[in-house]
Structure formats: structure tokens, C-alpha cells
């Protein structure tokens, strides 16, 4: 998804096993993908130094000011990559019982709601 320098997106993932779900800003810079965990403390969001009341304000700051996300990567945010058509929103899915587990996570039964239709 990130193919050109300056491409970026925000996603939820578990950066390291056992870390739990975190919001991550992923950006392409100098032909490498960089992943920045967005931290939260006292209701303020940050990656490095400046803190913001929302994740949207954090991202908008780096886009409009054209400041590097971190000094070490020098990554500049330029082009947002929107959610793809094939990606599901979290609230469309209701997890059921756990069916199994593997090296990449758990497998669950569940219900997917698309419009007025439900799929088990």
C-alpha cells in the first residue's frame, strides 16, 4: 500500500507479541516503510515530542507543517492512503468462541455484518 515516499496510513495492530493493540502510523520514506507507535498519556497523543488532543490533530500537524515524524527517520507525511475496499471496519465483526491458535494469532468463529446481511 505504501509505494512512494511520503505515503502514509494509520492502522491498529499489535507491534510486538504481548504488547496489545496499538495505533500505528506507517509511512514510506527513502524507499523504506517506517512504523511509529502513537502513544497516549493523560489524554494526549504523541510519537516523539509534540503532544496533541487527538490522533487526527497529530497527523494533520505532521502533514501541514511538513516536519519529520522523527529525527532519526526524517520521514515526511505527504499522501494519505485510504482504507481499501476489501478492509472491514472493526464494528462490522463480532468475535465468537476461539477455535484455535497459531504462530500468527488466534482463530475465532464470529459474525460479519455487511449492510443488512449477517454472515457466520
PDB file of N, CA and C in Angstrom:
ATOM      1  N   UNK A   1       0.810  -1.206   0.000  1.00  0.00           N
ATOM      2  CA  UNK A   1       0.000   0.000   0.000  1.00  0.00           C
ATOM      3  C   UNK A   1       0.850   1.266   0.000  1.00  0.00           C
ATOM      4  N   UNK A   2       1.965   1.218   0.724  1.00  0.00           N
ATOM      5  CA  UNK A   2       2.870   2.368   0.768  1.00  0.00           C
ATOM      6  C   UNK A   2       3.918   2.177  -0.322  1.00  0.00           C
ATOM      7  N   UNK A   3       3.776   2.897  -1.427  1.00  0.00           N
ATOM      8  CA  UNK A   3       4.674   2.652  -2.554  1.00  0.00           C
ATOM      9  C   UNK A   3       5.597   3.820  -2.887  1.00  0.00           C
ATOM     10  N   UNK A   4       5.213   5.045  -2.488  1.00  0.00           N
ATOM     11  CA  UNK A   4       6.049   6.211  -2.806  1.00  0.00           C
ATOM     12  C   UNK A   4       6.433   6.951  -1.533  1.00  0.00           C
ATOM     13  N   UNK A   5       7.585   7.598  -1.555  1.00  0.00           N
ATOM     14  CA  UNK A   5       7.999   8.393  -0.402  1.00  0.00           C
ATOM     15  C   UNK A   5       6.904   9.397  -0.052  1.00  0.00           C
ATOM     16  N   UNK A   6       6.565   9.467   1.230  1.00  0.00           N
ATOM     17  CA  UNK A   6       5.534  10.376   1.707  1.00  0.00           C
ATOM     18  C   UNK A   6       4.178   9.733   1.876  1.00  0.00           C
ATOM     19  N   UNK A   7       3.968   8.525   1.317  1.00  0.00           N
ATOM     20  CA  UNK A   7       2.708   7.802   1.532  1.00  0.00           C
ATOM     21  C   UNK A   7       2.605   7.437   3.004  1.00  0.00           C
ATOM     22  N   UNK A   8       1.384   7.519   3.562  1.00  0.00           N
ATOM     23  CA  UNK A   8       1.211   7.154   4.966  1.00  0.00           C
ATOM     24  C   UNK A   8      -0.202   6.652   5.220  1.00  0.00           C
ATOM     25  N   UNK A   9      -0.359   5.912   6.310  1.00  0.00           N
ATOM     26  CA  UNK A   9      -1.666   5.452   6.765  1.00  0.00           C
ATOM     27  C   UNK A   9      -1.611   5.228   8.267  1.00  0.00           C
ATOM     28  N   UNK A  10      -2.784   5.194   8.880  1.00  0.00           N
ATOM     29  CA  UNK A  10      -2.901   4.929  10.313  1.00  0.00           C
ATOM     30  C   UNK A  10      -3.665   3.626  10.458  1.00  0.00           C
ATOM     31  N   UNK A  11      -3.173   2.745  11.327  1.00  0.00           N
ATOM     32  CA  UNK A  11      -3.804   1.439  11.488  1.00  0.00           C
ATOM     33  C   UNK A  11      -3.695   0.993  12.939  1.00  0.00           C
ATOM     34  N   UNK A  12      -4.431  -0.041  13.272  1.00  0.00           N
ATOM     35  CA  UNK A  12      -4.360  -0.647  14.600  1.00  0.00           C
ATOM     36  C   UNK A  12      -3.719  -2.012  14.442  1.00  0.00           C
ATOM     37  N   UNK A  13      -2.716  -2.293  15.263  1.00  0.00           N
ATOM     38  CA  UNK A  13      -2.010  -3.565  15.179  1.00  0.00           C
ATOM     39  C   UNK A  13      -1.344  -3.860  16.515  1.00  0.00           C
ATOM     40  N   UNK A  14      -0.836  -5.067  16.655  1.00  0.00           N
ATOM     41  CA  UNK A  14      -0.031  -5.430  17.817  1.00  0.00           C
ATOM     42  C   UNK A  14       1.429  -5.391  17.359  1.00  0.00           C
ATOM     43  N   UNK A  15       2.156  -4.293  17.661  1.00  0.00           N
ATOM     44  CA  UNK A  15       3.523  -4.133  17.154  1.00  0.00           C
ATOM     45  C   UNK A  15       4.475  -5.258  17.550  1.00  0.00           C
ATOM     46  N   UNK A  16       4.321  -5.764  18.765  1.00  0.00           N
ATOM     47  CA  UNK A  16       5.147  -6.871  19.245  1.00  0.00           C
ATOM     48  C   UNK A  16       4.254  -7.819  20.030  1.00  0.00           C
ATOM     49  N   UNK A  17       4.549  -9.112  20.021  1.00  0.00           N
ATOM     50  CA  UNK A  17       3.722 -10.065  20.762  1.00  0.00           C
ATOM     51  C   UNK A  17       3.582  -9.665  22.225  1.00  0.00           C
ATOM     52  N   UNK A  18       2.347  -9.696  22.709  1.00  0.00           N
ATOM     53  CA  UNK A  18       2.075  -9.375  24.099  1.00  0.00           C
ATOM     54  C   UNK A  18       1.935  -7.893  24.388  1.00  0.00           C
ATOM     55  N   UNK A  19       2.163  -7.057  23.401  1.00  0.00           N
ATOM     56  CA  UNK A  19       2.104  -5.603  23.599  1.00  0.00           C
ATOM     57  C   UNK A  19       0.664  -5.090  23.596  1.00  0.00           C
ATOM     58  N   UNK A  20      -0.247  -5.876  23.048  1.00  0.00           N
ATOM     59  CA  UNK A  20      -1.626  -5.422  22.926  1.00  0.00           C
ATOM     60  C   UNK A  20      -1.789  -4.558  21.683  1.00  0.00           C
ATOM     61  N   UNK A  21      -3.033  -4.232  21.377  1.00  0.00           N
ATOM     62  CA  UNK A  21      -3.306  -3.428  20.190  1.00  0.00           C
ATOM     63  C   UNK A  21      -2.883  -1.983  20.403  1.00  0.00           C
ATOM     64  N   UNK A  22      -2.235  -1.423  19.412  1.00  0.00           N
ATOM     65  CA  UNK A  22      -1.766  -0.037  19.440  1.00  0.00           C
ATOM     66  C   UNK A  22      -2.123   0.627  18.118  1.00  0.00           C
ATOM     67  N   UNK A  23      -2.280   1.934  18.155  1.00  0.00           N
ATOM     68  CA  UNK A  23      -2.459   2.694  16.925  1.00  0.00           C
ATOM     69  C   UNK A  23      -1.076   3.013  16.381  1.00  0.00           C
ATOM     70  N   UNK A  24      -0.874   2.729  15.097  1.00  0.00           N
ATOM     71  CA  UNK A  24       0.441   2.885  14.476  1.00  0.00           C
ATOM     72  C   UNK A  24       0.309   3.753  13.224  1.00  0.00           C
ATOM     73  N   UNK A  25       1.229   4.687  13.076  1.00  0.00           N
ATOM     74  CA  UNK A  25       1.346   5.486  11.861  1.00  0.00           C
ATOM     75  C   UNK A  25       2.439   4.840  11.018  1.00  0.00           C
ATOM     76  N   UNK A  26       2.086   4.391   9.819  1.00  0.00           N
ATOM     77  CA  UNK A  26       3.065   3.783   8.915  1.00  0.00           C
ATOM     78  C   UNK A  26       3.322   4.748   7.771  1.00  0.00           C
ATOM     79  N   UNK A  27       4.604   4.942   7.440  1.00  0.00           N
ATOM     80  CA  UNK A  27       4.969   5.891   6.389  1.00  0.00           C
ATOM     81  C   UNK A  27       6.111   5.338   5.544  1.00  0.00           C
ATOM     82  N   UNK A  28       6.112   5.699   4.279  1.00  0.00           N
ATOM     83  CA  UNK A  28       7.183   5.313   3.353  1.00  0.00           C
ATOM     84  C   UNK A  28       8.134   6.498   3.219  1.00  0.00           C
ATOM     85  N   UNK A  29       9.437   6.234   3.408  1.00  0.00           N
ATOM     86  CA  UNK A  29      10.425   7.293   3.255  1.00  0.00           C
ATOM     87  C   UNK A  29      11.766   6.689   2.883  1.00  0.00           C
ATOM     88  N   UNK A  30      12.398   7.254   1.886  1.00  0.00           N
ATOM     89  CA  UNK A  30      13.683   6.769   1.380  1.00  0.00           C
ATOM     90  C   UNK A  30      13.615   5.273   1.065  1.00  0.00           C
ATOM     91  N   UNK A  31      12.519   4.900   0.385  1.00  0.00           N
ATOM     92  CA  UNK A  31      12.291   3.522  -0.069  1.00  0.00           C
ATOM     93  C   UNK A  31      12.203   2.498   1.054  1.00  0.00           C
ATOM     94  N   UNK A  32      11.830   2.942   2.263  1.00  0.00           N
ATOM     95  CA  UNK A  32      11.629   2.026   3.394  1.00  0.00           C
ATOM     96  C   UNK A  32      10.315   2.362   4.072  1.00  0.00           C
ATOM     97  N   UNK A  33       9.638   1.340   4.584  1.00  0.00           N
ATOM     98  CA  UNK A  33       8.446   1.557   5.392  1.00  0.00           C
ATOM     99  C   UNK A  33       8.866   1.719   6.847  1.00  0.00           C
ATOM    100  N   UNK A  34       8.327   2.752   7.480  1.00  0.00           N
ATOM    101  CA  UNK A  34       8.606   3.026   8.890  1.00  0.00           C
ATOM    102  C   UNK A  34       7.287   2.945   9.650  1.00  0.00           C
ATOM    103  N   UNK A  35       7.330   2.398  10.862  1.00  0.00           N
ATOM    104  CA  UNK A  35       6.125   2.216  11.664  1.00  0.00           C
ATOM    105  C   UNK A  35       6.333   2.893  13.014  1.00  0.00           C
ATOM    106  N   UNK A  36       5.474   3.871  13.315  1.00  0.00           N
ATOM    107  CA  UNK A  36       5.588   4.663  14.532  1.00  0.00           C
ATOM    108  C   UNK A  36       4.391   4.386  15.432  1.00  0.00           C
ATOM    109  N   UNK A  37       4.634   3.886  16.635  1.00  0.00           N
ATOM    110  CA  UNK A  37       3.556   3.672  17.596  1.00  0.00           C
ATOM    111  C   UNK A  37       3.101   5.036  18.100  1.00  0.00           C
ATOM    112  N   UNK A  38       1.794   5.274  18.060  1.00  0.00           N
ATOM    113  CA  UNK A  38       1.234   6.513  18.596  1.00  0.00           C
ATOM    114  C   UNK A  38       0.925   6.261  20.061  1.00  0.00           C
ATOM    115  N   UNK A  39       1.642   6.946  20.927  1.00  0.00           N
ATOM    116  CA  UNK A  39       1.482   6.788  22.367  1.00  0.00           C
ATOM    117  C   UNK A  39       0.405   7.731  22.883  1.00  0.00           C
ATOM    118  N   UNK A  40      -0.147   7.388  24.054  1.00  0.00           N
ATOM    119  CA  UNK A  40      -1.155   8.233  24.697  1.00  0.00           C
ATOM    120  C   UNK A  40      -0.811   8.350  26.170  1.00  0.00           C
ATOM    121  N   UNK A  41      -0.806   9.571  26.670  1.00  0.00           N
ATOM    122  CA  UNK A  41      -0.578   9.809  28.094  1.00  0.00           C
ATOM    123  C   UNK A  41      -1.404  11.016  28.505  1.00  0.00           C
ATOM    124  N   UNK A  42      -2.191  10.833  29.552  1.00  0.00           N
ATOM    125  CA  UNK A  42      -3.044  11.908  30.074  1.00  0.00           C
ATOM    126  C   UNK A  42      -3.946  12.501  28.989  1.00  0.00           C
ATOM    127  N   UNK A  43      -4.466  11.641  28.115  1.00  0.00           N
ATOM    128  CA  UNK A  43      -5.383  12.093  27.075  1.00  0.00           C
ATOM    129  C   UNK A  43      -4.728  12.839  25.928  1.00  0.00           C
ATOM    130  N   UNK A  44      -3.409  12.777  25.825  1.00  0.00           N
ATOM    131  CA  UNK A  44      -2.669  13.450  24.753  1.00  0.00           C
ATOM    132  C   UNK A  44      -1.914  12.396  23.942  1.00  0.00           C
ATOM    133  N   UNK A  45      -1.871  12.578  22.633  1.00  0.00           N
ATOM    134  CA  UNK A  45      -1.260  11.606  21.729  1.00  0.00           C
ATOM    135  C   UNK A  45       0.057  12.139  21.184  1.00  0.00           C
ATOM    136  N   UNK A  46       1.048  11.242  21.067  1.00  0.00           N
ATOM    137  CA  UNK A  46       2.358  11.672  20.593  1.00  0.00           C
ATOM    138  C   UNK A  46       3.150  10.500  20.031  1.00  0.00           C
ATOM    139  N   UNK A  47       4.133  10.835  19.189  1.00  0.00           N
ATOM    140  CA  UNK A  47       5.096   9.859  18.685  1.00  0.00           C
ATOM    141  C   UNK A  47       6.452  10.173  19.282  1.00  0.00           C
ATOM    142  N   UNK A  48       6.824  11.440  19.186  1.00  0.00           N
ATOM    143  CA  UNK A  48       8.116  11.869  19.708  1.00  0.00           C
ATOM    144  C   UNK A  48       7.879  12.960  20.746  1.00  0.00           C
ATOM    145  N   UNK A  49       7.954  14.221  20.357  1.00  0.00           N
ATOM    146  CA  UNK A  49       7.829  15.291  21.338  1.00  0.00           C
ATOM    147  C   UNK A  49       6.476  15.991  21.359  1.00  0.00           C
ATOM    148  N   UNK A  50       6.022  16.617  20.276  1.00  0.00           N
ATOM    149  CA  UNK A  50       4.764  17.358  20.409  1.00  0.00           C
ATOM    150  C   UNK A  50       3.610  16.423  20.760  1.00  0.00           C
ATOM    151  N   UNK A  51       2.709  16.901  21.639  1.00  0.00           N
ATOM    152  CA  UNK A  51       1.541  16.117  22.054  1.00  0.00           C
ATOM    153  C   UNK A  51       0.279  16.812  21.566  1.00  0.00           C
ATOM    154  N   UNK A  52      -0.739  16.005  21.249  1.00  0.00           N
ATOM    155  CA  UNK A  52      -1.954  16.523  20.634  1.00  0.00           C
ATOM    156  C   UNK A  52      -3.187  15.915  21.300  1.00  0.00           C
ATOM    157  N   UNK A  53      -4.331  16.636  21.267  1.00  0.00           N
ATOM    158  CA  UNK A  53      -5.552  16.121  21.903  1.00  0.00           C
ATOM    159  C   UNK A  53      -6.199  14.958  21.148  1.00  0.00           C
ATOM    160  N   UNK A  54      -5.897  14.816  19.846  1.00  0.00           N
ATOM    161  CA  UNK A  54      -6.458  13.710  19.056  1.00  0.00           C
ATOM    162  C   UNK A  54      -5.401  13.179  18.084  1.00  0.00           C
ATOM    163  N   UNK A  55      -5.619  11.967  17.621  1.00  0.00           N
ATOM    164  CA  UNK A  55      -4.721  11.383  16.617  1.00  0.00           C
ATOM    165  C   UNK A  55      -4.833  12.162  15.310  1.00  0.00           C
ATOM    166  N   UNK A  56      -6.030  12.611  14.972  1.00  0.00           N
ATOM    167  CA  UNK A  56      -6.213  13.392  13.748  1.00  0.00           C
ATOM    168  C   UNK A  56      -5.377  14.675  13.786  1.00  0.00           C
ATOM    169  N   UNK A  57      -5.364  15.362  14.919  1.00  0.00           N
ATOM    170  CA  UNK A  57      -4.563  16.592  15.033  1.00  0.00           C
ATOM    171  C   UNK A  57      -3.070  16.278  14.948  1.00  0.00           C
ATOM    172  N   UNK A  58      -2.655  15.145  15.500  1.00  0.00           N
ATOM    173  CA  UNK A  58      -1.254  14.731  15.408  1.00  0.00           C
ATOM    174  C   UNK A  58      -0.859  14.546  13.938  1.00  0.00           C
ATOM    175  N   UNK A  59      -1.652  13.782  13.206  1.00  0.00           N
ATOM    176  CA  UNK A  59      -1.347  13.519  11.796  1.00  0.00           C
ATOM    177  C   UNK A  59      -1.393  14.818  10.992  1.00  0.00           C
ATOM    178  N   UNK A  60      -2.428  15.633  11.206  1.00  0.00           N
ATOM    179  CA  UNK A  60      -2.545  16.896  10.470  1.00  0.00           C
ATOM    180  C   UNK A  60      -1.348  17.805  10.708  1.00  0.00           C
ATOM    181  N   UNK A  61      -0.817  17.814  11.919  1.00  0.00           N
ATOM    182  CA  UNK A  61       0.365  18.624  12.227  1.00  0.00           C
ATOM    183  C   UNK A  61       1.543  18.215  11.339  1.00  0.00           C
ATOM    184  N   UNK A  62       1.828  16.915  11.295  1.00  0.00           N
ATOM    185  CA  UNK A  62       2.971  16.451  10.504  1.00  0.00           C
ATOM    186  C   UNK A  62       2.755  16.662   9.002  1.00  0.00           C
ATOM    187  N   UNK A  63       1.511  16.567   8.545  1.00  0.00           N
ATOM    188  CA  UNK A  63       1.223  16.779   7.122  1.00  0.00           C
ATOM    189  C   UNK A  63       1.346  18.261   6.763  1.00  0.00           C
ATOM    190  N   UNK A  64       0.690  19.129   7.525  1.00  0.00           N
ATOM    191  CA  UNK A  64       0.673  20.551   7.163  1.00  0.00           C
ATOM    192  C   UNK A  64       2.003  21.244   7.429  1.00  0.00           C
ATOM    193  N   UNK A  65       2.691  20.866   8.495  1.00  0.00           N
ATOM    194  CA  UNK A  65       3.968  21.503   8.828  1.00  0.00           C
ATOM    195  C   UNK A  65       5.144  20.901   8.057  1.00  0.00           C
ATOM    196  N   UNK A  66       4.922  19.718   7.460  1.00  0.00           N
ATOM    197  CA  UNK A  66       5.977  19.022   6.716  1.00  0.00           C
ATOM    198  C   UNK A  66       7.232  18.816   7.565  1.00  0.00           C
ATOM    199  N   UNK A  67       7.011  18.512   8.850  1.00  0.00           N
ATOM    200  CA  UNK A  67       8.125  18.221   9.759  1.00  0.00           C
ATOM    201  C   UNK A  67       8.327  16.710   9.793  1.00  0.00           C
ATOM    202  N   UNK A  68       9.555  16.249   9.944  1.00  0.00           N
ATOM    203  CA  UNK A  68       9.794  14.805  10.049  1.00  0.00           C
ATOM    204  C   UNK A  68       9.091  14.225  11.279  1.00  0.00           C
ATOM    205  N   UNK A  69       8.552  13.027  11.125  1.00  0.00           N
ATOM    206  CA  UNK A  69       7.876  12.367  12.242  1.00  0.00           C
ATOM    207  C   UNK A  69       8.876  12.113  13.363  1.00  0.00           C
ATOM    208  N   UNK A  70      10.073  11.657  13.014  1.00  0.00           N
ATOM    209  CA  UNK A  70      11.169  11.527  13.983  1.00  0.00           C
ATOM    210  C   UNK A  70      12.450  12.018  13.314  1.00  0.00           C
ATOM    211  N   UNK A  71      13.377  12.484  14.116  1.00  0.00           N
ATOM    212  CA  UNK A  71      14.656  12.953  13.572  1.00  0.00           C
ATOM    213  C   UNK A  71      15.448  11.808  12.944  1.00  0.00           C
ATOM    214  N   UNK A  72      15.343  10.623  13.534  1.00  0.00           N
ATOM    215  CA  UNK A  72      16.156   9.501  13.039  1.00  0.00           C
ATOM    216  C   UNK A  72      15.715   9.008  11.659  1.00  0.00           C
ATOM    217  N   UNK A  73      14.410   9.044  11.362  1.00  0.00           N
ATOM    218  CA  UNK A  73      13.941   8.561  10.054  1.00  0.00           C
ATOM    219  C   UNK A  73      13.811   9.689   9.035  1.00  0.00           C
ATOM    220  N   UNK A  74      13.582  10.891   9.512  1.00  0.00           N
ATOM    221  CA  UNK A  74      13.347  12.067   8.660  1.00  0.00           C
ATOM    222  C   UNK A  74      12.099  11.924   7.791  1.00  0.00           C
ATOM    223  N   UNK A  75      11.222  10.958   8.112  1.00  0.00           N
ATOM    224  CA  UNK A  75      10.027  10.696   7.300  1.00  0.00           C
ATOM    225  C   UNK A  75       9.067  11.881   7.313  1.00  0.00           C
ATOM    226  N   UNK A  76       8.649  12.299   6.117  1.00  0.00           N
ATOM    227  CA  UNK A  76       7.682  13.380   5.928  1.00  0.00           C
ATOM    228  C   UNK A  76       6.385  12.761   5.405  1.00  0.00           C
ATOM    229  N   UNK A  77       5.243  13.177   5.980  1.00  0.00           N
ATOM    230  CA  UNK A  77       3.939  12.672   5.552  1.00  0.00           C
ATOM    231  C   UNK A  77       3.385  13.563   4.446  1.00  0.00           C
ATOM    232  N   UNK A  78       3.049  12.956   3.310  1.00  0.00           N
ATOM    233  CA  UNK A  78       2.528  13.744   2.185  1.00  0.00           C
ATOM    234  C   UNK A  78       1.205  13.224   1.628  1.00  0.00           C
ATOM    235  N   UNK A  79       1.111  11.923   1.376  1.00  0.00           N
ATOM    236  CA  UNK A  79      -0.054  11.375   0.678  1.00  0.00           C
ATOM    237  C   UNK A  79      -0.745  10.320   1.533  1.00  0.00           C
ATOM    238  N   UNK A  80      -1.976  10.600   2.003  1.00  0.00           N
ATOM    239  CA  UNK A  80      -2.690   9.589   2.787  1.00  0.00           C
ATOM    240  C   UNK A  80      -3.139   8.432   1.899  1.00  0.00           C
ATOM    241  N   UNK A  81      -3.046   7.228   2.429  1.00  0.00           N
ATOM    242  CA  UNK A  81      -3.538   6.039   1.730  1.00  0.00           C
ATOM    243  C   UNK A  81      -4.838   5.636   2.427  1.00  0.00           C
ATOM    244  N   UNK A  82      -5.981   5.774   1.736  1.00  0.00           N
ATOM    245  CA  UNK A  82      -7.265   5.476   2.379  1.00  0.00           C
ATOM    246  C   UNK A  82      -7.458   3.982   2.618  1.00  0.00           C
ATOM    247  N   UNK A  83      -8.408   3.689   3.496  1.00  0.00           N
ATOM    248  CA  UNK A  83      -8.779   2.298   3.753  1.00  0.00           C
ATOM    249  C   UNK A  83      -9.200   1.667   2.426  1.00  0.00           C
ATOM    250  N   UNK A  84      -8.772   0.462   2.184  1.00  0.00           N
ATOM    251  CA  UNK A  84      -9.084  -0.243   0.945  1.00  0.00           C
ATOM    252  C   UNK A  84     -10.499  -0.825   1.005  1.00  0.00           C
ATOM    253  N   UNK A  85     -11.111  -1.019  -0.154  1.00  0.00           N
ATOM    254  CA  UNK A  85     -12.478  -1.544  -0.212  1.00  0.00           C
ATOM    255  C   UNK A  85     -12.617  -2.891   0.477  1.00  0.00           C
ATOM    256  N   UNK A  86     -11.582  -3.715   0.416  1.00  0.00           N
ATOM    257  CA  UNK A  86     -11.654  -5.065   0.971  1.00  0.00           C
ATOM    258  C   UNK A  86     -11.442  -5.083   2.485  1.00  0.00           C
ATOM    259  N   UNK A  87     -11.087  -3.964   3.086  1.00  0.00           N
ATOM    260  CA  UNK A  87     -10.848  -3.937   4.530  1.00  0.00           C
ATOM    261  C   UNK A  87     -12.161  -3.771   5.287  1.00  0.00           C
ATOM    262  N   UNK A  88     -12.321  -4.544   6.346  1.00  0.00           N
ATOM    263  CA  UNK A  88     -13.520  -4.468   7.175  1.00  0.00           C
ATOM    264  C   UNK A  88     -13.304  -3.504   8.329  1.00  0.00           C
ATOM    265  N   UNK A  89     -14.373  -2.823   8.733  1.00  0.00           N
ATOM    266  CA  UNK A  89     -14.324  -1.997   9.932  1.00  0.00           C
ATOM    267  C   UNK A  89     -14.503  -2.918  11.135  1.00  0.00           C
ATOM    268  N   UNK A  90     -13.871  -2.559  12.252  1.00  0.00           N
ATOM    269  CA  UNK A  90     -13.932  -3.401  13.447  1.00  0.00           C
ATOM    270  C   UNK A  90     -15.368  -3.614  13.925  1.00  0.00           C
ATOM    271  N   UNK A  91     -16.215  -2.590  13.807  1.00  0.00           N
ATOM    272  CA  UNK A  91     -17.580  -2.739  14.315  1.00  0.00           C
ATOM    273  C   UNK A  91     -18.471  -3.591  13.409  1.00  0.00           C
ATOM    274  N   UNK A  92     -17.973  -4.045  12.267  1.00  0.00           N
ATOM    275  CA  UNK A  92     -18.717  -4.968  11.412  1.00  0.00           C
ATOM    276  C   UNK A  92     -18.564  -6.412  11.889  1.00  0.00           C
ATOM    277  N   UNK A  93     -17.628  -6.662  12.800  1.00  0.00           N
ATOM    278  CA  UNK A  93     -17.284  -8.026  13.202  1.00  0.00           C
ATOM    279  C   UNK A  93     -17.557  -8.230  14.686  1.00  0.00           C
ATOM    280  N   UNK A  94     -18.237  -9.330  14.997  1.00  0.00           N
ATOM    281  CA  UNK A  94     -18.443  -9.732  16.388  1.00  0.00           C
ATOM    282  C   UNK A  94     -17.729 -11.064  16.562  1.00  0.00           C
ATOM    283  N   UNK A  95     -16.730 -11.087  17.433  1.00  0.00           N
ATOM    284  CA  UNK A  95     -15.984 -12.322  17.667  1.00  0.00           C
ATOM    285  C   UNK A  95     -16.789 -13.280  18.523  1.00  0.00           C
ATOM    286  N   UNK A  96     -16.737 -14.556  18.165  1.00  0.00           N
ATOM    287  CA  UNK A  96     -17.373 -15.611  18.936  1.00  0.00           C
ATOM    288  C   UNK A  96     -16.323 -16.413  19.680  1.00  0.00           C
ATOM    289  N   UNK A  97     -16.531 -17.734  19.739  1.00  0.00           N
ATOM    290  CA  UNK A  97     -15.612 -18.583  20.503  1.00  0.00           C
ATOM    291  C   UNK A  97     -14.305 -18.802  19.744  1.00  0.00           C
ATOM    292  N   UNK A  98     -13.265 -19.027  20.510  1.00  0.00           N
ATOM    293  CA  UNK A  98     -11.947 -19.266  19.929  1.00  0.00           C
ATOM    294  C   UNK A  98     -11.897 -20.694  19.390  1.00  0.00           C
ATOM    295  N   UNK A  99     -11.462 -20.842  18.138  1.00  0.00           N
ATOM    296  CA  UNK A  99     -11.383 -22.156  17.504  1.00  0.00           C
ATOM    297  C   UNK A  99      -9.988 -22.759  17.587  1.00  0.00           C
ATOM    298  N   UNK A 100      -8.984 -21.917  17.635  1.00  0.00           N
ATOM    299  CA  UNK A 100      -7.610 -22.404  17.673  1.00  0.00           C
ATOM    300  C   UNK A 100      -6.631 -21.252  17.717  1.00  0.00           C
ATOM    301  N   UNK A 101      -5.349 -21.619  17.690  1.00  0.00           N
ATOM    302  CA  UNK A 101      -4.306 -20.600  17.765  1.00  0.00           C
ATOM    303  C   UNK A 101      -3.085 -21.080  17.001  1.00  0.00           C
ATOM    304  N   UNK A 102      -2.401 -20.155  16.366  1.00  0.00           N
ATOM    305  CA  UNK A 102      -1.193 -20.487  15.617  1.00  0.00           C
ATOM    306  C   UNK A 102      -0.117 -19.452  15.853  1.00  0.00           C
ATOM    307  N   UNK A 103       0.932 -19.519  15.054  1.00  0.00           N
ATOM    308  CA  UNK A 103       2.072 -18.618  15.212  1.00  0.00           C
ATOM    309  C   UNK A 103       1.695 -17.156  14.982  1.00  0.00           C
ATOM    310  N   UNK A 104       0.651 -16.905  14.204  1.00  0.00           N
ATOM    311  CA  UNK A 104       0.292 -15.530  13.869  1.00  0.00           C
ATOM    312  C   UNK A 104      -0.945 -15.036  14.601  1.00  0.00           C
ATOM    313  N   UNK A 105      -1.454 -15.775  15.583  1.00  0.00           N
ATOM    314  CA  UNK A 105      -2.596 -15.304  16.351  1.00  0.00           C
ATOM    315  C   UNK A 105      -3.682 -16.349  16.475  1.00  0.00           C
ATOM    316  N   UNK A 106      -4.809 -15.925  17.059  1.00  0.00           N
ATOM    317  CA  UNK A 106      -5.937 -16.803  17.300  1.00  0.00           C
ATOM    318  C   UNK A 106      -6.907 -16.831  16.133  1.00  0.00           C
ATOM    319  N   UNK A 107      -7.661 -17.928  16.051  1.00  0.00           N
ATOM    320  CA  UNK A 107      -8.706 -18.088  15.044  1.00  0.00           C
ATOM    321  C   UNK A 107     -10.032 -18.185  15.784  1.00  0.00           C
ATOM    322  N   UNK A 108     -10.993 -17.344  15.393  1.00  0.00           N
ATOM    323  CA  UNK A 108     -12.266 -17.262  16.090  1.00  0.00           C
ATOM    324  C   UNK A 108     -13.427 -17.476  15.133  1.00  0.00           C
ATOM    325  N   UNK A 109     -14.513 -18.041  15.659  1.00  0.00           N
ATOM    326  CA  UNK A 109     -15.785 -18.014  14.948  1.00  0.00           C
ATOM    327  C   UNK A 109     -16.340 -16.614  15.179  1.00  0.00           C
ATOM    328  N   UNK A 110     -17.246 -16.184  14.337  1.00  0.00           N
ATOM    329  CA  UNK A 110     -17.795 -14.848  14.541  1.00  0.00           C
ATOM    330  C   UNK A 110     -18.889 -14.538  13.554  1.00  0.00           C
ATOM    331  N   UNK A 111     -19.356 -13.301  13.629  1.00  0.00           N
ATOM    332  CA  UNK A 111     -20.410 -12.826  12.737  1.00  0.00           C
ATOM    333  C   UNK A 111     -19.917 -11.552  12.055  1.00  0.00           C
ATOM    334  N   UNK A 112     -20.052 -11.527  10.732  1.00  0.00           N
ATOM    335  CA  UNK A 112     -19.704 -10.356   9.934  1.00  0.00           C
ATOM    336  C   UNK A 112     -21.003  -9.746   9.428  1.00  0.00           C
ATOM    337  N   UNK A 113     -21.194  -8.461   9.674  1.00  0.00           N
ATOM    338  CA  UNK A 113     -22.383  -7.762   9.202  1.00  0.00           C
ATOM    339  C   UNK A 113     -21.989  -6.809   8.080  1.00  0.00           C
ATOM    340  N   UNK A 114     -22.567  -7.036   6.899  1.00  0.00           N
ATOM    341  CA  UNK A 114     -22.360  -6.163   5.741  1.00  0.00           C
ATOM    342  C   UNK A 114     -23.724  -5.646   5.310  1.00  0.00           C
ATOM    343  N   UNK A 115     -23.972  -4.382   5.563  1.00  0.00           N
ATOM    344  CA  UNK A 115     -25.291  -3.824   5.272  1.00  0.00           C
ATOM    345  C   UNK A 115     -26.320  -4.478   6.173  1.00  0.00           C
ATOM    346  N   UNK A 116     -27.328  -5.108   5.571  1.00  0.00           N
ATOM    347  CA  UNK A 116     -28.377  -5.785   6.355  1.00  0.00           C
ATOM    348  C   UNK A 116     -28.161  -7.290   6.446  1.00  0.00           C
ATOM    349  N   UNK A 117     -27.078  -7.779   5.833  1.00  0.00           N
ATOM    350  CA  UNK A 117     -26.815  -9.219   5.831  1.00  0.00           C
ATOM    351  C   UNK A 117     -25.783  -9.582   6.876  1.00  0.00           C
ATOM    352  N   UNK A 118     -26.004 -10.729   7.510  1.00  0.00           N
ATOM    353  CA  UNK A 118     -25.069 -11.255   8.506  1.00  0.00           C
ATOM    354  C   UNK A 118     -24.509 -12.578   8.008  1.00  0.00           C
ATOM    355  N   UNK A 119     -23.210 -12.755   8.197  1.00  0.00           N
ATOM    356  CA  UNK A 119     -22.525 -13.974   7.786  1.00  0.00           C
ATOM    357  C   UNK A 119     -21.853 -14.574   9.003  1.00  0.00           C
ATOM    358  N   UNK A 120     -22.073 -15.877   9.224  1.00  0.00           N
ATOM    359  CA  UNK A 120     -21.430 -16.551  10.363  1.00  0.00           C
ATOM    360  C   UNK A 120     -20.217 -17.315   9.907  1.00  0.00           C
TER     361      UNK A 120
END
